[in-house]
């Protein structure tokens, strides 16, 4: 089976029989639209960031070098921000995950408080959000006693008006490749 070449792989020269090499240094902006092949490549990398370019190439019907160029472009333009690892936290002993909603008194510098909150090892991420709640903090703890300790610490992290905790009972990931990779409730 013959592989389709990446449309950007060669440019046709005005001279018969001559071709230009790909323009690797061409400035590409993040606003450049993604095509279906880019989306397929991203889906494969979302499922397994360590999948080889040759394996992805077989699935998207391109050459491995064309896939590597597309991945490099997606990295260069910021579409691919970073590669990460999926950890089974239950195996590490930190099995409870929760969201803590925080509302602060008016005029408070929320970003400064969240910068302080992010220094806690239990905090996985913090977000400023719209609505009655000012911030949403995702935490992971060992047990309920540890959860209570962390929530009390968050309540004293600034002029907190309200604090609500929501324990995560189950999780489903968008784009998970295999059912066994999905956490079951």
N, C-alpha and C. Protein backbone atom coordinates (compact mmCIF):
# COMPACT_ATOMS: atom_id res chain seq x y z
N UNK A 1 0.84 -1.18 0.00
CA UNK A 1 0.00 0.00 0.00
C UNK A 1 0.89 1.24 0.00
N UNK A 2 0.66 2.11 -0.90
CA UNK A 2 1.46 3.32 -1.03
C UNK A 2 0.94 4.39 -0.09
N UNK A 3 1.83 5.05 0.61
CA UNK A 3 1.43 6.07 1.57
C UNK A 3 1.23 7.41 0.86
N UNK A 4 0.21 8.12 1.31
CA UNK A 4 -0.01 9.47 0.80
C UNK A 4 1.07 10.37 1.38
N UNK A 5 1.56 11.26 0.61
CA UNK A 5 2.57 12.19 1.10
C UNK A 5 1.88 13.36 1.77
N UNK A 6 2.55 13.90 2.77
CA UNK A 6 2.06 15.10 3.43
C UNK A 6 2.01 16.21 2.39
N UNK A 7 0.94 16.95 2.37
CA UNK A 7 0.78 18.02 1.38
C UNK A 7 1.89 19.06 1.50
N UNK A 8 2.47 19.20 2.70
CA UNK A 8 3.53 20.19 2.88
C UNK A 8 4.91 19.59 2.68
N UNK A 9 4.99 18.33 2.27
CA UNK A 9 6.27 17.66 2.18
C UNK A 9 7.15 18.25 1.08
N UNK A 10 6.60 18.53 -0.08
CA UNK A 10 7.37 19.13 -1.16
C UNK A 10 6.56 20.25 -1.80
N UNK A 11 7.26 21.27 -2.23
CA UNK A 11 6.63 22.33 -3.04
C UNK A 11 7.08 22.12 -4.47
N UNK A 12 6.22 22.38 -5.38
CA UNK A 12 6.56 22.21 -6.79
C UNK A 12 7.34 23.42 -7.27
N UNK A 13 8.41 23.16 -7.92
CA UNK A 13 9.25 24.22 -8.47
C UNK A 13 8.70 24.65 -9.82
N UNK A 14 8.89 25.94 -10.16
CA UNK A 14 8.49 26.37 -11.50
C UNK A 14 9.32 25.71 -12.59
N UNK A 15 10.47 25.13 -12.23
CA UNK A 15 11.30 24.44 -13.21
C UNK A 15 10.88 22.98 -13.31
N UNK A 16 10.66 22.46 -14.50
CA UNK A 16 10.24 21.07 -14.64
C UNK A 16 11.25 20.10 -14.03
N UNK A 17 10.74 19.13 -13.27
CA UNK A 17 11.58 18.10 -12.69
C UNK A 17 12.31 18.49 -11.42
N UNK A 18 12.21 19.73 -10.96
CA UNK A 18 12.89 20.15 -9.74
C UNK A 18 11.87 20.35 -8.62
N UNK A 19 12.29 20.07 -7.40
CA UNK A 19 11.42 20.28 -6.24
C UNK A 19 12.20 21.03 -5.16
N UNK A 20 11.50 21.84 -4.39
CA UNK A 20 12.10 22.49 -3.24
C UNK A 20 11.96 21.57 -2.04
N UNK A 21 12.90 21.63 -1.15
CA UNK A 21 12.78 20.89 0.12
C UNK A 21 11.71 21.58 0.96
N UNK A 22 11.14 20.89 1.93
CA UNK A 22 10.14 21.52 2.79
C UNK A 22 10.72 22.73 3.51
N UNK A 23 9.88 23.69 3.77
CA UNK A 23 10.30 24.91 4.45
C UNK A 23 10.12 24.71 5.95
N UNK A 24 11.13 24.15 6.62
CA UNK A 24 11.03 23.82 8.03
C UNK A 24 10.98 25.04 8.93
N UNK A 25 11.57 26.12 8.49
CA UNK A 25 11.65 27.30 9.34
C UNK A 25 10.52 28.28 9.09
N UNK A 26 9.56 27.90 8.27
CA UNK A 26 8.44 28.79 7.99
C UNK A 26 7.73 29.11 9.30
N UNK A 27 7.43 30.39 9.53
CA UNK A 27 6.73 30.78 10.76
C UNK A 27 5.28 30.37 10.66
N UNK A 28 4.83 29.54 11.57
CA UNK A 28 3.45 29.08 11.58
C UNK A 28 2.82 29.59 12.86
N UNK A 29 1.65 30.12 12.75
CA UNK A 29 0.96 30.61 13.94
C UNK A 29 -0.01 29.57 14.44
N UNK A 30 -0.38 29.68 15.72
CA UNK A 30 -1.33 28.75 16.30
C UNK A 30 -2.69 28.88 15.63
N UNK A 31 -2.92 30.00 14.95
CA UNK A 31 -4.20 30.23 14.30
C UNK A 31 -4.33 29.41 13.01
N UNK A 32 -3.22 28.82 12.55
CA UNK A 32 -3.29 27.99 11.34
C UNK A 32 -4.23 26.83 11.63
N UNK A 33 -5.21 26.61 10.77
CA UNK A 33 -6.20 25.58 11.07
C UNK A 33 -5.60 24.18 11.04
N UNK A 34 -6.10 23.34 11.92
CA UNK A 34 -5.69 21.95 11.94
C UNK A 34 -6.54 21.18 10.94
N UNK A 35 -5.92 20.24 10.26
CA UNK A 35 -6.70 19.41 9.36
C UNK A 35 -7.04 18.09 10.06
N UNK A 36 -7.74 17.21 9.36
CA UNK A 36 -8.17 15.95 9.97
C UNK A 36 -6.99 15.08 10.38
N UNK A 37 -5.91 15.11 9.61
CA UNK A 37 -4.74 14.31 9.95
C UNK A 37 -4.09 14.83 11.22
N UNK A 38 -3.98 16.16 11.37
CA UNK A 38 -3.45 16.74 12.61
C UNK A 38 -4.27 16.27 13.80
N UNK A 39 -5.58 16.28 13.66
CA UNK A 39 -6.47 15.86 14.75
C UNK A 39 -6.28 14.38 15.08
N UNK A 40 -6.09 13.54 14.05
CA UNK A 40 -5.84 12.12 14.30
C UNK A 40 -4.52 11.92 15.04
N UNK A 41 -3.50 12.68 14.65
CA UNK A 41 -2.20 12.60 15.32
C UNK A 41 -2.35 13.02 16.78
N UNK A 42 -3.06 14.11 17.02
CA UNK A 42 -3.29 14.57 18.40
C UNK A 42 -4.05 13.53 19.21
N UNK A 43 -5.03 12.88 18.61
CA UNK A 43 -5.78 11.83 19.32
C UNK A 43 -4.86 10.69 19.71
N UNK A 44 -3.98 10.28 18.81
CA UNK A 44 -3.03 9.19 19.12
C UNK A 44 -2.10 9.61 20.26
N UNK A 45 -1.58 10.84 20.21
CA UNK A 45 -0.67 11.31 21.25
C UNK A 45 -1.40 11.50 22.58
N UNK A 46 -2.66 11.89 22.54
CA UNK A 46 -3.44 12.04 23.76
C UNK A 46 -3.61 10.68 24.44
N UNK A 47 -3.75 9.63 23.65
CA UNK A 47 -3.91 8.30 24.20
C UNK A 47 -2.59 7.72 24.70
N UNK A 48 -1.50 8.04 24.00
CA UNK A 48 -0.19 7.54 24.38
C UNK A 48 0.86 8.49 23.83
N UNK A 49 1.35 9.38 24.68
CA UNK A 49 2.31 10.40 24.25
C UNK A 49 3.64 9.79 23.81
N UNK A 50 3.87 8.52 24.13
CA UNK A 50 5.12 7.87 23.75
C UNK A 50 5.00 7.04 22.47
N UNK A 51 3.84 7.08 21.83
CA UNK A 51 3.67 6.31 20.59
C UNK A 51 4.64 6.84 19.54
N UNK A 52 5.27 5.95 18.84
CA UNK A 52 6.28 6.35 17.85
C UNK A 52 5.63 6.96 16.62
N UNK A 53 6.41 7.78 15.94
CA UNK A 53 5.94 8.42 14.71
C UNK A 53 5.62 7.36 13.66
N UNK A 54 6.39 6.28 13.61
CA UNK A 54 6.13 5.24 12.60
C UNK A 54 4.81 4.52 12.89
N UNK A 55 4.49 4.32 14.16
CA UNK A 55 3.21 3.69 14.51
C UNK A 55 2.04 4.61 14.16
N UNK A 56 2.19 5.89 14.48
CA UNK A 56 1.15 6.86 14.14
C UNK A 56 1.01 6.96 12.62
N UNK A 57 2.13 6.94 11.91
CA UNK A 57 2.11 7.05 10.45
C UNK A 57 1.27 5.95 9.81
N UNK A 58 1.36 4.74 10.36
CA UNK A 58 0.56 3.63 9.82
C UNK A 58 -0.92 3.90 9.97
N UNK A 59 -1.30 4.55 11.06
CA UNK A 59 -2.71 4.79 11.33
C UNK A 59 -3.29 5.98 10.55
N UNK A 60 -2.43 6.94 10.20
CA UNK A 60 -2.92 8.12 9.49
C UNK A 60 -2.52 8.13 8.01
N UNK A 61 -1.86 7.05 7.57
CA UNK A 61 -1.51 6.88 6.17
C UNK A 61 -0.55 7.95 5.65
N UNK A 62 0.47 8.25 6.46
CA UNK A 62 1.55 9.15 6.06
C UNK A 62 2.88 8.45 6.31
N UNK A 63 3.96 9.07 5.87
CA UNK A 63 5.28 8.57 6.21
C UNK A 63 5.62 9.01 7.64
N UNK A 64 6.53 8.29 8.27
CA UNK A 64 6.94 8.64 9.63
C UNK A 64 7.56 10.03 9.67
N UNK A 65 8.33 10.39 8.64
CA UNK A 65 8.95 11.72 8.64
C UNK A 65 7.90 12.82 8.52
N UNK A 66 6.83 12.58 7.77
CA UNK A 66 5.76 13.57 7.65
C UNK A 66 5.05 13.73 9.00
N UNK A 67 4.86 12.63 9.70
CA UNK A 67 4.23 12.70 11.03
C UNK A 67 5.13 13.47 11.99
N UNK A 68 6.45 13.21 11.95
CA UNK A 68 7.38 13.93 12.83
C UNK A 68 7.34 15.43 12.54
N UNK A 69 7.27 15.80 11.26
CA UNK A 69 7.19 17.23 10.90
C UNK A 69 5.90 17.85 11.43
N UNK A 70 4.81 17.13 11.30
CA UNK A 70 3.54 17.66 11.81
C UNK A 70 3.58 17.81 13.33
N UNK A 71 4.14 16.83 14.02
CA UNK A 71 4.25 16.93 15.48
C UNK A 71 5.14 18.11 15.85
N UNK A 72 6.24 18.29 15.15
CA UNK A 72 7.14 19.42 15.42
C UNK A 72 6.41 20.74 15.21
N UNK A 73 5.58 20.82 14.16
CA UNK A 73 4.81 22.04 13.92
C UNK A 73 3.80 22.27 15.03
N UNK A 74 3.14 21.21 15.47
CA UNK A 74 2.16 21.35 16.55
C UNK A 74 2.83 21.79 17.85
N UNK A 75 4.06 21.33 18.08
CA UNK A 75 4.82 21.78 19.26
C UNK A 75 5.24 23.23 19.10
N UNK A 76 5.76 23.57 17.92
CA UNK A 76 6.27 24.92 17.67
C UNK A 76 5.17 25.97 17.77
N UNK A 77 3.96 25.63 17.34
CA UNK A 77 2.87 26.59 17.37
C UNK A 77 2.14 26.61 18.71
N UNK A 78 2.51 25.72 19.62
CA UNK A 78 1.91 25.72 20.93
C UNK A 78 0.65 24.89 21.06
N UNK A 79 0.25 24.20 19.98
CA UNK A 79 -0.91 23.31 20.09
C UNK A 79 -0.57 22.19 21.06
N UNK A 80 0.62 21.60 20.93
CA UNK A 80 1.12 20.65 21.92
C UNK A 80 1.96 21.45 22.89
N UNK A 81 1.47 21.54 24.11
CA UNK A 81 2.11 22.35 25.13
C UNK A 81 3.20 21.56 25.87
N UNK A 82 2.90 20.30 26.20
CA UNK A 82 3.85 19.47 26.93
C UNK A 82 3.38 18.03 26.87
N UNK A 83 4.27 17.14 27.25
CA UNK A 83 3.95 15.73 27.36
C UNK A 83 3.95 15.39 28.85
N UNK A 84 3.08 14.49 29.26
CA UNK A 84 2.95 14.21 30.68
C UNK A 84 2.75 12.73 30.92
N UNK A 85 2.67 12.35 32.18
CA UNK A 85 2.51 10.97 32.59
C UNK A 85 1.19 10.82 33.33
N UNK A 86 0.51 9.73 33.09
CA UNK A 86 -0.71 9.41 33.83
C UNK A 86 -0.32 8.47 34.97
N UNK A 87 -0.63 8.88 36.18
CA UNK A 87 -0.21 8.14 37.37
C UNK A 87 -1.42 7.49 38.04
N UNK A 88 -1.26 6.26 38.49
CA UNK A 88 -2.29 5.58 39.27
C UNK A 88 -2.07 5.96 40.74
N UNK A 89 -2.74 7.02 41.16
CA UNK A 89 -2.52 7.56 42.50
C UNK A 89 -2.88 6.58 43.61
N UNK A 90 -3.84 5.68 43.36
CA UNK A 90 -4.20 4.69 44.36
C UNK A 90 -2.99 3.84 44.74
N UNK A 91 -2.12 3.58 43.78
CA UNK A 91 -0.91 2.79 44.03
C UNK A 91 0.09 3.56 44.92
N UNK A 92 -0.01 4.88 44.93
CA UNK A 92 0.89 5.70 45.73
C UNK A 92 0.31 6.04 47.10
N UNK A 93 -0.94 5.68 47.34
CA UNK A 93 -1.55 5.94 48.64
C UNK A 93 -2.36 7.23 48.72
N UNK A 94 -2.34 8.05 47.70
CA UNK A 94 -3.14 9.29 47.71
C UNK A 94 -4.37 9.03 46.85
N UNK A 95 -5.42 8.48 47.48
CA UNK A 95 -6.53 7.99 46.69
C UNK A 95 -7.77 8.87 46.69
N UNK A 96 -7.82 9.92 47.49
CA UNK A 96 -8.99 10.79 47.52
C UNK A 96 -8.66 12.08 46.78
N UNK A 97 -9.54 12.40 45.84
CA UNK A 97 -9.37 13.64 45.09
C UNK A 97 -10.63 14.47 45.28
N UNK A 98 -10.46 15.78 45.40
CA UNK A 98 -11.61 16.66 45.65
C UNK A 98 -11.38 18.02 45.00
N UNK A 99 -12.50 18.71 44.79
CA UNK A 99 -12.47 20.10 44.38
C UNK A 99 -12.89 20.94 45.58
N UNK A 100 -12.19 22.01 45.82
CA UNK A 100 -12.54 22.94 46.88
C UNK A 100 -12.86 24.28 46.23
N UNK A 101 -14.10 24.74 46.45
CA UNK A 101 -14.54 26.03 45.92
C UNK A 101 -14.30 27.09 46.98
N UNK A 102 -13.61 28.16 46.60
CA UNK A 102 -13.30 29.24 47.54
C UNK A 102 -13.86 30.56 47.03
N UNK A 103 -14.52 31.30 47.91
CA UNK A 103 -14.98 32.65 47.62
C UNK A 103 -14.29 33.59 48.59
N UNK A 104 -13.78 34.69 48.07
CA UNK A 104 -13.03 35.63 48.89
C UNK A 104 -13.77 36.94 49.04
N UNK A 105 -13.36 37.72 50.04
CA UNK A 105 -13.91 39.06 50.25
C UNK A 105 -13.53 39.94 49.06
N UNK A 106 -14.37 40.91 48.74
CA UNK A 106 -14.13 41.81 47.61
C UNK A 106 -12.81 42.56 47.76
N UNK A 107 -12.21 42.88 46.64
CA UNK A 107 -10.97 43.65 46.63
C UNK A 107 -9.72 42.84 46.94
N UNK A 108 -9.86 41.53 47.07
CA UNK A 108 -8.72 40.67 47.39
C UNK A 108 -8.00 40.29 46.10
N UNK A 109 -6.70 40.22 46.16
CA UNK A 109 -5.90 39.80 45.02
C UNK A 109 -5.90 38.27 44.97
N UNK A 110 -6.86 37.70 44.25
CA UNK A 110 -7.06 36.25 44.21
C UNK A 110 -5.82 35.54 43.68
N UNK A 111 -5.17 36.09 42.68
CA UNK A 111 -4.00 35.44 42.10
C UNK A 111 -2.87 35.29 43.11
N UNK A 112 -2.68 36.27 43.97
CA UNK A 112 -1.65 36.18 45.01
C UNK A 112 -1.98 35.06 46.00
N UNK A 113 -3.24 34.93 46.36
CA UNK A 113 -3.65 33.86 47.28
C UNK A 113 -3.45 32.50 46.62
N UNK A 114 -3.84 32.37 45.35
CA UNK A 114 -3.70 31.10 44.67
C UNK A 114 -2.24 30.72 44.46
N UNK A 115 -1.39 31.71 44.30
CA UNK A 115 0.05 31.43 44.20
C UNK A 115 0.53 30.78 45.49
N UNK A 116 0.06 31.27 46.62
CA UNK A 116 0.39 30.69 47.92
C UNK A 116 -0.22 29.29 48.06
N UNK A 117 -1.46 29.13 47.63
CA UNK A 117 -2.16 27.84 47.70
C UNK A 117 -1.42 26.79 46.88
N UNK A 118 -0.90 27.16 45.73
CA UNK A 118 -0.22 26.22 44.85
C UNK A 118 1.07 25.66 45.45
N UNK A 119 1.55 26.24 46.52
CA UNK A 119 2.77 25.75 47.17
C UNK A 119 2.49 24.49 48.00
N UNK A 120 1.23 24.20 48.31
CA UNK A 120 0.88 23.00 49.06
C UNK A 120 1.06 21.77 48.16
N UNK A 121 1.71 20.73 48.63
CA UNK A 121 1.94 19.55 47.78
C UNK A 121 0.66 18.81 47.39
N UNK A 122 -0.42 18.96 48.15
CA UNK A 122 -1.67 18.28 47.84
C UNK A 122 -2.44 18.95 46.72
N UNK A 123 -2.13 20.20 46.43
CA UNK A 123 -2.85 20.96 45.41
C UNK A 123 -2.31 20.56 44.03
N UNK A 124 -3.23 20.10 43.17
CA UNK A 124 -2.86 19.69 41.81
C UNK A 124 -3.01 20.83 40.82
N UNK A 125 -4.05 21.64 41.00
CA UNK A 125 -4.24 22.81 40.15
C UNK A 125 -5.22 23.75 40.83
N UNK A 126 -5.16 25.00 40.43
CA UNK A 126 -6.08 26.02 40.94
C UNK A 126 -6.51 26.89 39.77
N UNK A 127 -7.78 27.24 39.76
CA UNK A 127 -8.33 28.01 38.65
C UNK A 127 -9.17 29.15 39.19
N UNK A 128 -9.11 30.30 38.55
CA UNK A 128 -10.07 31.36 38.85
C UNK A 128 -11.25 31.12 37.91
N UNK A 129 -12.46 31.30 38.44
CA UNK A 129 -13.65 31.00 37.67
C UNK A 129 -14.68 32.11 37.82
N UNK A 130 -15.70 32.07 36.98
CA UNK A 130 -16.77 33.06 37.06
C UNK A 130 -17.88 32.52 37.96
N UNK A 131 -18.74 33.41 38.38
CA UNK A 131 -19.86 33.01 39.23
C UNK A 131 -19.63 33.42 40.67
N UNK A 132 -20.37 32.81 41.58
CA UNK A 132 -20.26 33.15 43.00
C UNK A 132 -18.95 32.71 43.61
N UNK A 133 -18.36 31.65 43.07
CA UNK A 133 -17.08 31.14 43.55
C UNK A 133 -15.96 31.85 42.81
N UNK A 134 -14.91 32.24 43.55
CA UNK A 134 -13.78 32.92 42.92
C UNK A 134 -12.72 31.97 42.40
N UNK A 135 -12.54 30.85 43.12
CA UNK A 135 -11.47 29.92 42.75
C UNK A 135 -11.91 28.48 42.96
N UNK A 136 -11.37 27.61 42.13
CA UNK A 136 -11.61 26.19 42.23
C UNK A 136 -10.25 25.52 42.36
N UNK A 137 -10.07 24.76 43.43
CA UNK A 137 -8.78 24.14 43.72
C UNK A 137 -8.97 22.62 43.70
N UNK A 138 -8.16 21.92 42.91
CA UNK A 138 -8.22 20.46 42.88
C UNK A 138 -7.11 19.92 43.75
N UNK A 139 -7.48 19.03 44.70
CA UNK A 139 -6.50 18.48 45.63
C UNK A 139 -6.54 16.95 45.59
N UNK A 140 -5.45 16.32 46.03
CA UNK A 140 -5.39 14.87 46.18
C UNK A 140 -4.77 14.59 47.54
N UNK A 141 -5.46 13.74 48.33
CA UNK A 141 -5.03 13.45 49.70
C UNK A 141 -5.08 11.95 49.97
N UNK A 142 -4.47 11.55 51.11
CA UNK A 142 -4.40 10.13 51.49
C UNK A 142 -5.72 9.58 52.00
N UNK A 143 -6.37 10.35 52.89
CA UNK A 143 -7.57 9.86 53.56
C UNK A 143 -8.41 11.04 54.03
N UNK A 144 -9.53 10.75 54.71
CA UNK A 144 -10.43 11.82 55.14
C UNK A 144 -9.80 12.76 56.15
N UNK A 145 -8.98 12.24 57.06
CA UNK A 145 -8.31 13.11 58.03
C UNK A 145 -7.38 14.09 57.30
N UNK A 146 -6.67 13.59 56.30
CA UNK A 146 -5.79 14.44 55.51
C UNK A 146 -6.61 15.47 54.72
N UNK A 147 -7.77 15.04 54.19
CA UNK A 147 -8.67 15.97 53.49
C UNK A 147 -9.10 17.10 54.41
N UNK A 148 -9.51 16.76 55.62
CA UNK A 148 -9.94 17.77 56.60
C UNK A 148 -8.81 18.76 56.88
N UNK A 149 -7.61 18.25 57.06
CA UNK A 149 -6.44 19.09 57.35
C UNK A 149 -6.16 20.06 56.19
N UNK A 150 -6.20 19.56 54.97
CA UNK A 150 -5.91 20.41 53.81
C UNK A 150 -7.00 21.45 53.61
N UNK A 151 -8.26 21.06 53.75
CA UNK A 151 -9.37 22.01 53.57
C UNK A 151 -9.28 23.11 54.63
N UNK A 152 -8.98 22.76 55.87
CA UNK A 152 -8.83 23.78 56.92
C UNK A 152 -7.67 24.72 56.59
N UNK A 153 -6.60 24.19 56.03
CA UNK A 153 -5.49 25.04 55.61
C UNK A 153 -5.89 25.99 54.49
N UNK A 154 -6.69 25.51 53.55
CA UNK A 154 -7.15 26.37 52.46
C UNK A 154 -8.09 27.45 52.97
N UNK A 155 -8.89 27.12 53.96
CA UNK A 155 -9.83 28.11 54.52
C UNK A 155 -9.11 29.27 55.18
N UNK A 156 -7.90 29.04 55.63
CA UNK A 156 -7.13 30.10 56.30
C UNK A 156 -6.09 30.71 55.36
N UNK A 157 -6.18 30.41 54.07
CA UNK A 157 -5.18 30.92 53.12
C UNK A 157 -5.40 32.37 52.73
N UNK A 158 -6.48 32.97 53.16
CA UNK A 158 -6.78 34.36 52.84
C UNK A 158 -8.15 34.69 53.40
N UNK A 159 -8.68 35.84 53.08
CA UNK A 159 -9.99 36.24 53.59
C UNK A 159 -11.13 35.46 52.90
N UNK A 160 -11.26 34.17 53.27
CA UNK A 160 -12.23 33.27 52.65
C UNK A 160 -13.62 33.54 53.23
N UNK A 161 -14.59 33.80 52.35
CA UNK A 161 -15.97 33.98 52.79
C UNK A 161 -16.69 32.64 52.85
N UNK A 162 -16.54 31.84 51.79
CA UNK A 162 -17.17 30.52 51.77
C UNK A 162 -16.19 29.49 51.22
N UNK A 163 -16.39 28.26 51.67
CA UNK A 163 -15.55 27.15 51.24
C UNK A 163 -16.45 25.92 51.12
N UNK A 164 -16.48 25.33 49.94
CA UNK A 164 -17.25 24.10 49.73
C UNK A 164 -16.33 23.05 49.13
N UNK A 165 -16.44 21.83 49.63
CA UNK A 165 -15.60 20.74 49.16
C UNK A 165 -16.46 19.71 48.45
N UNK A 166 -16.00 19.26 47.31
CA UNK A 166 -16.71 18.24 46.54
C UNK A 166 -15.73 17.10 46.25
N UNK A 167 -16.02 15.94 46.82
CA UNK A 167 -15.16 14.77 46.64
C UNK A 167 -15.49 14.11 45.31
N UNK A 168 -14.47 13.74 44.57
CA UNK A 168 -14.64 13.10 43.28
C UNK A 168 -14.87 11.60 43.50
N UNK A 169 -15.97 11.10 42.97
CA UNK A 169 -16.32 9.69 43.14
C UNK A 169 -15.86 8.82 41.97
N UNK A 170 -15.73 9.40 40.80
CA UNK A 170 -15.29 8.67 39.62
C UNK A 170 -14.83 9.65 38.57
N UNK A 171 -14.11 9.14 37.59
CA UNK A 171 -13.55 10.02 36.55
C UNK A 171 -13.56 9.31 35.22
N UNK A 172 -13.92 10.02 34.18
CA UNK A 172 -13.87 9.53 32.82
C UNK A 172 -13.06 10.53 32.03
N UNK A 173 -12.12 10.02 31.23
CA UNK A 173 -11.24 10.87 30.45
C UNK A 173 -11.73 10.94 29.01
N UNK A 174 -11.73 12.12 28.45
CA UNK A 174 -12.05 12.31 27.04
C UNK A 174 -10.92 11.74 26.21
N UNK A 175 -11.26 10.93 25.24
CA UNK A 175 -10.24 10.41 24.33
C UNK A 175 -9.49 9.21 24.86
N UNK A 176 -9.91 8.63 25.97
CA UNK A 176 -9.22 7.45 26.48
C UNK A 176 -9.38 6.31 25.48
N UNK A 177 -8.29 5.65 25.16
CA UNK A 177 -8.29 4.67 24.08
C UNK A 177 -8.98 3.37 24.46
N UNK A 178 -8.69 2.86 25.63
CA UNK A 178 -9.19 1.55 26.00
C UNK A 178 -10.01 1.64 27.27
N UNK A 179 -11.06 0.82 27.38
CA UNK A 179 -11.91 0.87 28.59
C UNK A 179 -11.11 0.65 29.86
N UNK A 180 -10.08 -0.18 29.84
CA UNK A 180 -9.31 -0.42 31.07
C UNK A 180 -8.53 0.80 31.52
N UNK A 181 -8.34 1.79 30.64
CA UNK A 181 -7.66 3.01 31.03
C UNK A 181 -8.60 3.97 31.74
N UNK A 182 -9.89 3.74 31.61
CA UNK A 182 -10.86 4.61 32.25
C UNK A 182 -11.07 4.16 33.68
N UNK A 183 -11.07 5.10 34.59
CA UNK A 183 -11.33 4.78 35.98
C UNK A 183 -12.79 4.40 36.12
N UNK A 184 -13.05 3.29 36.76
CA UNK A 184 -14.41 2.83 36.95
C UNK A 184 -14.94 3.37 38.27
N UNK A 185 -16.23 3.77 38.32
CA UNK A 185 -16.80 4.29 39.57
C UNK A 185 -16.93 3.20 40.62
